[in-house]
PDB file of all heavy atoms in Angstrom:
ATOM      1  N   ALA A   1       8.051  10.392  15.843  1.00  0.00           N
ATOM      2  CA  ALA A   1       6.776  10.967  15.423  1.00  0.00           C
ATOM      3  C   ALA A   1       6.389  10.457  14.043  1.00  0.00           C
ATOM      4  O   ALA A   1       5.222  10.108  13.795  1.00  0.00           O
ATOM      5  CB  ALA A   1       6.866  12.495  15.407  1.00  0.00           C
ATOM      6  N   ALA A   2       7.361  10.392  13.137  1.00  0.00           N
ATOM      7  CA  ALA A   2       7.099   9.897  11.778  1.00  0.00           C
ATOM      8  C   ALA A   2       6.650   8.441  11.807  1.00  0.00           C
ATOM      9  O   ALA A   2       5.725   8.048  11.079  1.00  0.00           O
ATOM     10  CB  ALA A   2       8.351  10.058  10.919  1.00  0.00           C
ATOM     11  N   ASP A   3       7.308   7.645  12.650  1.00  0.00           N
ATOM     12  CA  ASP A   3       6.935   6.228  12.764  1.00  0.00           C
ATOM     13  C   ASP A   3       5.520   6.081  13.292  1.00  0.00           C
ATOM     14  O   ASP A   3       4.746   5.235  12.826  1.00  0.00           O
ATOM     15  CB  ASP A   3       7.923   5.503  13.684  1.00  0.00           C
ATOM     16  CG  ASP A   3       9.308   5.360  13.076  1.00  0.00           C
ATOM     17  OD1 ASP A   3       9.437   5.520  11.841  1.00  0.00           O
ATOM     18  OD2 ASP A   3      10.267   5.102  13.827  1.00  0.00           O
ATOM     19  N   MET A   4       5.177   6.899  14.277  1.00  0.00           N
ATOM     20  CA  MET A   4       3.829   6.844  14.827  1.00  0.00           C
ATOM     21  C   MET A   4       2.801   7.218  13.769  1.00  0.00           C
ATOM     22  O   MET A   4       1.777   6.548  13.613  1.00  0.00           O
ATOM     23  CB  MET A   4       3.722   7.791  16.032  1.00  0.00           C
ATOM     24  CG  MET A   4       2.379   7.758  16.746  1.00  0.00           C
ATOM     25  SD  MET A   4       1.047   8.724  15.958  1.00  0.00           S
ATOM     26  CE  MET A   4       1.693  10.393  16.126  1.00  0.00           C
ATOM     27  N   LEU A   5       3.072   8.279  13.038  1.00  0.00           N
ATOM     28  CA  LEU A   5       2.124   8.762  12.037  1.00  0.00           C
ATOM     29  C   LEU A   5       1.936   7.762  10.898  1.00  0.00           C
ATOM     30  O   LEU A   5       0.876   7.728  10.264  1.00  0.00           O
ATOM     31  CB  LEU A   5       2.607  10.107  11.476  1.00  0.00           C
ATOM     32  CG  LEU A   5       2.503  11.284  12.462  1.00  0.00           C
ATOM     33  CD1 LEU A   5       3.321  12.470  11.954  1.00  0.00           C
ATOM     34  CD2 LEU A   5       1.054  11.687  12.665  1.00  0.00           C
ATOM     35  N   ALA A   6       2.942   6.952  10.650  1.00  0.00           N
ATOM     36  CA  ALA A   6       2.846   5.934   9.592  1.00  0.00           C
ATOM     37  C   ALA A   6       1.961   4.770  10.012  1.00  0.00           C
ATOM     38  O   ALA A   6       1.553   3.954   9.184  1.00  0.00           O
ATOM     39  CB  ALA A   6       4.240   5.429   9.216  1.00  0.00           C
ATOM     40  N   SER A   7       1.652   4.704  11.292  1.00  0.00           N
ATOM     41  CA  SER A   7       0.775   3.651  11.816  1.00  0.00           C
ATOM     42  C   SER A   7      -0.619   4.226  12.031  1.00  0.00           C
ATOM     43  O   SER A   7      -0.908   5.352  11.625  1.00  0.00           O
ATOM     44  CB  SER A   7       1.336   3.119  13.139  1.00  0.00           C
ATOM     45  OG  SER A   7       1.160   4.092  14.171  1.00  0.00           O
ATOM     46  N   ASP A   8      -1.468   3.444  12.690  1.00  0.00           N
ATOM     47  CA  ASP A   8      -2.794   3.967  13.035  1.00  0.00           C
ATOM     48  C   ASP A   8      -2.901   4.275  14.529  1.00  0.00           C
ATOM     49  O   ASP A   8      -3.989   4.371  15.086  1.00  0.00           O
ATOM     50  CB  ASP A   8      -3.888   2.983  12.618  1.00  0.00           C
ATOM     51  CG  ASP A   8      -3.796   1.647  13.371  1.00  0.00           C
ATOM     52  OD1 ASP A   8      -2.819   1.448  14.128  1.00  0.00           O
ATOM     53  OD2 ASP A   8      -4.697   0.810  13.195  1.00  0.00           O
ATOM     54  N   ALA A   9      -1.744   4.443  15.172  1.00  0.00           N
ATOM     55  CA  ALA A   9      -1.711   4.715  16.608  1.00  0.00           C
ATOM     56  C   ALA A   9      -2.486   5.986  16.947  1.00  0.00           C
ATOM     57  O   ALA A   9      -2.486   6.951  16.186  1.00  0.00           O
ATOM     58  CB  ALA A   9      -0.266   4.844  17.085  1.00  0.00           C
ATOM     59  N   TYR A  10      -3.142   5.957  18.079  1.00  0.00           N
ATOM     60  CA  TYR A  10      -3.896   7.079  18.645  1.00  0.00           C
ATOM     61  C   TYR A  10      -5.168   7.417  17.872  1.00  0.00           C
ATOM     62  O   TYR A  10      -5.820   8.410  18.172  1.00  0.00           O
ATOM     63  CB  TYR A  10      -3.002   8.322  18.797  1.00  0.00           C
ATOM     64  CG  TYR A  10      -1.854   8.065  19.741  1.00  0.00           C
ATOM     65  CD1 TYR A  10      -0.597   7.705  19.245  1.00  0.00           C
ATOM     66  CD2 TYR A  10      -2.024   8.131  21.121  1.00  0.00           C
ATOM     67  CE1 TYR A  10       0.461   7.425  20.091  1.00  0.00           C
ATOM     68  CE2 TYR A  10      -0.966   7.865  21.984  1.00  0.00           C
ATOM     69  CZ  TYR A  10       0.273   7.505  21.457  1.00  0.00           C
ATOM     70  OH  TYR A  10       1.316   7.225  22.308  1.00  0.00           O
ATOM     71  N   THR A  11      -5.519   6.554  16.928  1.00  0.00           N
ATOM     72  CA  THR A  11      -6.803   6.739  16.251  1.00  0.00           C
ATOM     73  C   THR A  11      -7.951   6.630  17.255  1.00  0.00           C
ATOM     74  O   THR A  11      -8.883   7.449  17.261  1.00  0.00           O
ATOM     75  CB  THR A  11      -6.983   5.699  15.140  1.00  0.00           C
ATOM     76  OG1 THR A  11      -6.040   5.955  14.092  1.00  0.00           O
ATOM     77  CG2 THR A  11      -8.385   5.733  14.563  1.00  0.00           C
ATOM     78  N   ALA A  12      -7.870   5.625  18.111  1.00  0.00           N
ATOM     79  CA  ALA A  12      -8.927   5.413  19.108  1.00  0.00           C
ATOM     80  C   ALA A  12      -9.023   6.591  20.077  1.00  0.00           C
ATOM     81  O   ALA A  12     -10.122   6.937  20.535  1.00  0.00           O
ATOM     82  CB  ALA A  12      -8.674   4.122  19.876  1.00  0.00           C
ATOM     83  N   ASP A  13      -7.886   7.219  20.380  1.00  0.00           N
ATOM     84  CA  ASP A  13      -7.889   8.357  21.306  1.00  0.00           C
ATOM     85  C   ASP A  13      -8.612   9.560  20.703  1.00  0.00           C
ATOM     86  O   ASP A  13      -9.367  10.252  21.395  1.00  0.00           O
ATOM     87  CB  ASP A  13      -6.447   8.736  21.661  1.00  0.00           C
ATOM     88  CG  ASP A  13      -5.714   7.600  22.345  1.00  0.00           C
ATOM     89  OD1 ASP A  13      -5.197   6.719  21.634  1.00  0.00           O
ATOM     90  OD2 ASP A  13      -5.659   7.587  23.587  1.00  0.00           O
ATOM     91  N   VAL A  14      -8.347   9.804  19.425  1.00  0.00           N
ATOM     92  CA  VAL A  14      -9.036  10.900  18.748  1.00  0.00           C
ATOM     93  C   VAL A  14     -10.529  10.623  18.708  1.00  0.00           C
ATOM     94  O   VAL A  14     -11.362  11.495  18.997  1.00  0.00           O
ATOM     95  CB  VAL A  14      -8.494  11.098  17.322  1.00  0.00           C
ATOM     96  CG1 VAL A  14      -9.312  12.165  16.579  1.00  0.00           C
ATOM     97  CG2 VAL A  14      -7.020  11.502  17.358  1.00  0.00           C
ATOM     98  N   ARG A  15     -10.885   9.386  18.350  1.00  0.00           N
ATOM     99  CA  ARG A  15     -12.301   9.026  18.273  1.00  0.00           C
ATOM    100  C   ARG A  15     -12.988   9.124  19.637  1.00  0.00           C
ATOM    101  O   ARG A  15     -14.163   9.500  19.725  1.00  0.00           O
ATOM    102  CB  ARG A  15     -12.453   7.612  17.703  1.00  0.00           C
ATOM    103  CG  ARG A  15     -11.950   7.452  16.284  1.00  0.00           C
ATOM    104  CD  ARG A  15     -12.619   8.418  15.347  1.00  0.00           C
ATOM    105  NE  ARG A  15     -12.176   8.256  13.972  1.00  0.00           N
ATOM    106  CZ  ARG A  15     -12.018   9.262  13.127  1.00  0.00           C
ATOM    107  NH1 ARG A  15     -12.274  10.507  13.513  1.00  0.00           N
ATOM    108  NH2 ARG A  15     -11.622   9.039  11.884  1.00  0.00           N
ATOM    109  N   GLU A  16     -12.271   8.797  20.693  1.00  0.00           N
ATOM    110  CA  GLU A  16     -12.851   8.888  22.032  1.00  0.00           C
ATOM    111  C   GLU A  16     -13.158  10.339  22.385  1.00  0.00           C
ATOM    112  O   GLU A  16     -14.218  10.643  22.957  1.00  0.00           O
ATOM    113  CB  GLU A  16     -11.897   8.292  23.065  1.00  0.00           C
ATOM    114  CG  GLU A  16     -12.357   8.439  24.521  1.00  0.00           C
ATOM    115  CD  GLU A  16     -13.730   7.826  24.782  1.00  0.00           C
ATOM    116  OE1 GLU A  16     -14.116   6.852  24.098  1.00  0.00           O
ATOM    117  OE2 GLU A  16     -14.434   8.341  25.685  1.00  0.00           O
ATOM    118  N   ASP A  17     -12.245  11.254  22.052  1.00  0.00           N
ATOM    119  CA  ASP A  17     -12.514  12.676  22.279  1.00  0.00           C
ATOM    120  C   ASP A  17     -13.755  13.109  21.514  1.00  0.00           C
ATOM    121  O   ASP A  17     -14.605  13.848  22.032  1.00  0.00           O
ATOM    122  CB  ASP A  17     -11.320  13.525  21.805  1.00  0.00           C
ATOM    123  CG  ASP A  17     -10.204  13.589  22.839  1.00  0.00           C
ATOM    124  OD1 ASP A  17     -10.367  13.022  23.935  1.00  0.00           O
ATOM    125  OD2 ASP A  17      -9.179  14.212  22.546  1.00  0.00           O
ATOM    126  N   GLU A  18     -13.851  12.667  20.268  1.00  0.00           N
ATOM    127  CA  GLU A  18     -14.984  13.057  19.433  1.00  0.00           C
ATOM    128  C   GLU A  18     -16.291  12.440  19.926  1.00  0.00           C
ATOM    129  O   GLU A  18     -17.343  13.095  19.898  1.00  0.00           O
ATOM    130  CB  GLU A  18     -14.696  12.678  17.983  1.00  0.00           C
ATOM    131  CG  GLU A  18     -13.538  13.490  17.396  1.00  0.00           C
ATOM    132  CD  GLU A  18     -13.137  13.069  16.002  1.00  0.00           C
ATOM    133  OE1 GLU A  18     -13.432  11.911  15.609  1.00  0.00           O
ATOM    134  OE2 GLU A  18     -12.538  13.889  15.291  1.00  0.00           O
ATOM    135  N   ASN A  19     -16.224  11.209  20.387  1.00  0.00           N
ATOM    136  CA  ASN A  19     -17.417  10.567  20.952  1.00  0.00           C
ATOM    137  C   ASN A  19     -17.871  11.286  22.215  1.00  0.00           C
ATOM    138  O   ASN A  19     -19.079  11.471  22.447  1.00  0.00           O
ATOM    139  CB  ASN A  19     -17.133   9.096  21.262  1.00  0.00           C
ATOM    140  CG  ASN A  19     -17.003   8.252  20.016  1.00  0.00           C
ATOM    141  OD1 ASN A  19     -17.505   8.609  18.954  1.00  0.00           O
ATOM    142  ND2 ASN A  19     -16.320   7.117  20.135  1.00  0.00           N
ATOM    143  N   GLN A  20     -16.902  11.698  23.013  1.00  0.00           N
ATOM    144  CA  GLN A  20     -17.241  12.405  24.242  1.00  0.00           C
ATOM    145  C   GLN A  20     -17.891  13.755  23.923  1.00  0.00           C
ATOM    146  O   GLN A  20     -18.851  14.160  24.583  1.00  0.00           O
ATOM    147  CB  GLN A  20     -15.986  12.618  25.095  1.00  0.00           C
ATOM    148  CG  GLN A  20     -16.287  13.123  26.499  1.00  0.00           C
ATOM    149  CD  GLN A  20     -15.041  13.211  27.367  1.00  0.00           C
ATOM    150  OE1 GLN A  20     -13.952  12.809  26.961  1.00  0.00           O
ATOM    151  NE2 GLN A  20     -15.185  13.748  28.556  1.00  0.00           N
ATOM    152  N   SER A  21     -17.368  14.430  22.908  1.00  0.00           N
ATOM    153  CA  SER A  21     -17.959  15.718  22.538  1.00  0.00           C
ATOM    154  C   SER A  21     -19.393  15.528  22.066  1.00  0.00           C
ATOM    155  O   SER A  21     -20.266  16.353  22.342  1.00  0.00           O
ATOM    156  CB  SER A  21     -17.128  16.401  21.444  1.00  0.00           C
ATOM    157  OG  SER A  21     -17.261  15.751  20.196  1.00  0.00           O
ATOM    158  N   SER A  22     -19.646  14.435  21.360  1.00  0.00           N
ATOM    159  CA  SER A  22     -20.993  14.141  20.892  1.00  0.00           C
ATOM    160  C   SER A  22     -21.941  13.906  22.067  1.00  0.00           C
ATOM    161  O   SER A  22     -23.079  14.392  22.088  1.00  0.00           O
ATOM    162  CB  SER A  22     -20.979  12.918  19.968  1.00  0.00           C
ATOM    163  OG  SER A  22     -22.266  12.618  19.499  1.00  0.00           O
ATOM    164  N   LYS A  23     -21.482  13.172  23.063  1.00  0.00           N
ATOM    165  CA  LYS A  23     -22.297  12.900  24.245  1.00  0.00           C
ATOM    166  C   LYS A  23     -22.614  14.182  25.012  1.00  0.00           C
ATOM    167  O   LYS A  23     -23.676  14.302  25.640  1.00  0.00           O
ATOM    168  CB  LYS A  23     -21.580  11.908  25.156  1.00  0.00           C
ATOM    169  CG  LYS A  23     -21.482  10.496  24.591  1.00  0.00           C
ATOM    170  CD  LYS A  23     -20.686   9.591  25.513  1.00  0.00           C
ATOM    171  CE  LYS A  23     -20.548   8.189  24.920  1.00  0.00           C
ATOM    172  NZ  LYS A  23     -19.719   7.301  25.780  1.00  0.00           N
ATOM    173  N   LEU A  24     -21.675  15.130  24.962  1.00  0.00           N
ATOM    174  CA  LEU A  24     -21.872  16.397  25.657  1.00  0.00           C
ATOM    175  C   LEU A  24     -22.704  17.378  24.842  1.00  0.00           C
ATOM    176  O   LEU A  24     -23.048  18.459  25.328  1.00  0.00           O
ATOM    177  CB  LEU A  24     -20.508  17.027  25.986  1.00  0.00           C
ATOM    178  CG  LEU A  24     -19.672  16.319  27.049  1.00  0.00           C
ATOM    179  CD1 LEU A  24     -18.267  16.902  27.099  1.00  0.00           C
ATOM    180  CD2 LEU A  24     -20.342  16.420  28.415  1.00  0.00           C
ATOM    181  N   GLY A  25     -23.004  16.997  23.604  1.00  0.00           N
ATOM    182  CA  GLY A  25     -23.809  17.863  22.759  1.00  0.00           C
ATOM    183  C   GLY A  25     -23.039  18.992  22.103  1.00  0.00           C
ATOM    184  O   GLY A  25     -23.622  20.003  21.705  1.00  0.00           O
ATOM    185  N   ILE A  26     -21.728  18.815  21.984  1.00  0.00           N
ATOM    186  CA  ILE A  26     -20.896  19.850  21.374  1.00  0.00           C
ATOM    187  C   ILE A  26     -20.992  19.741  19.856  1.00  0.00           C
ATOM    188  O   ILE A  26     -20.665  18.714  19.281  1.00  0.00           O
ATOM    189  CB  ILE A  26     -19.425  19.698  21.822  1.00  0.00           C
ATOM    190  CG1 ILE A  26     -19.318  19.850  23.336  1.00  0.00           C
ATOM    191  CG2 ILE A  26     -18.541  20.727  21.116  1.00  0.00           C
ATOM    192  CD1 ILE A  26     -17.942  19.517  23.894  1.00  0.00           C
ATOM    193  N   SER A  27     -21.432  20.810  19.219  1.00  0.00           N
ATOM    194  CA  SER A  27     -21.566  20.797  17.758  1.00  0.00           C
ATOM    195  C   SER A  27     -20.682  21.836  17.089  1.00  0.00           C
ATOM    196  O   SER A  27     -20.605  21.890  15.861  1.00  0.00           O
ATOM    197  CB  SER A  27     -23.027  21.041  17.361  1.00  0.00           C
ATOM    198  OG  SER A  27     -23.485  22.277  17.870  1.00  0.00           O
ATOM    199  N   GLY A  28     -20.039  22.670  17.887  1.00  0.00           N
ATOM    200  CA  GLY A  28     -19.151  23.692  17.347  1.00  0.00           C
ATOM    201  C   GLY A  28     -18.005  23.949  18.294  1.00  0.00           C
ATOM    202  O   GLY A  28     -18.105  23.677  19.502  1.00  0.00           O
TER     203      GLY A  28
END
């Protein structure tokens, strides 16, 4: 877990969730 966190791994996954929420109109 520490090694993963020291990298930029899963950044795209977080952004994809956030992009999807934006498309769905989720603001809260």
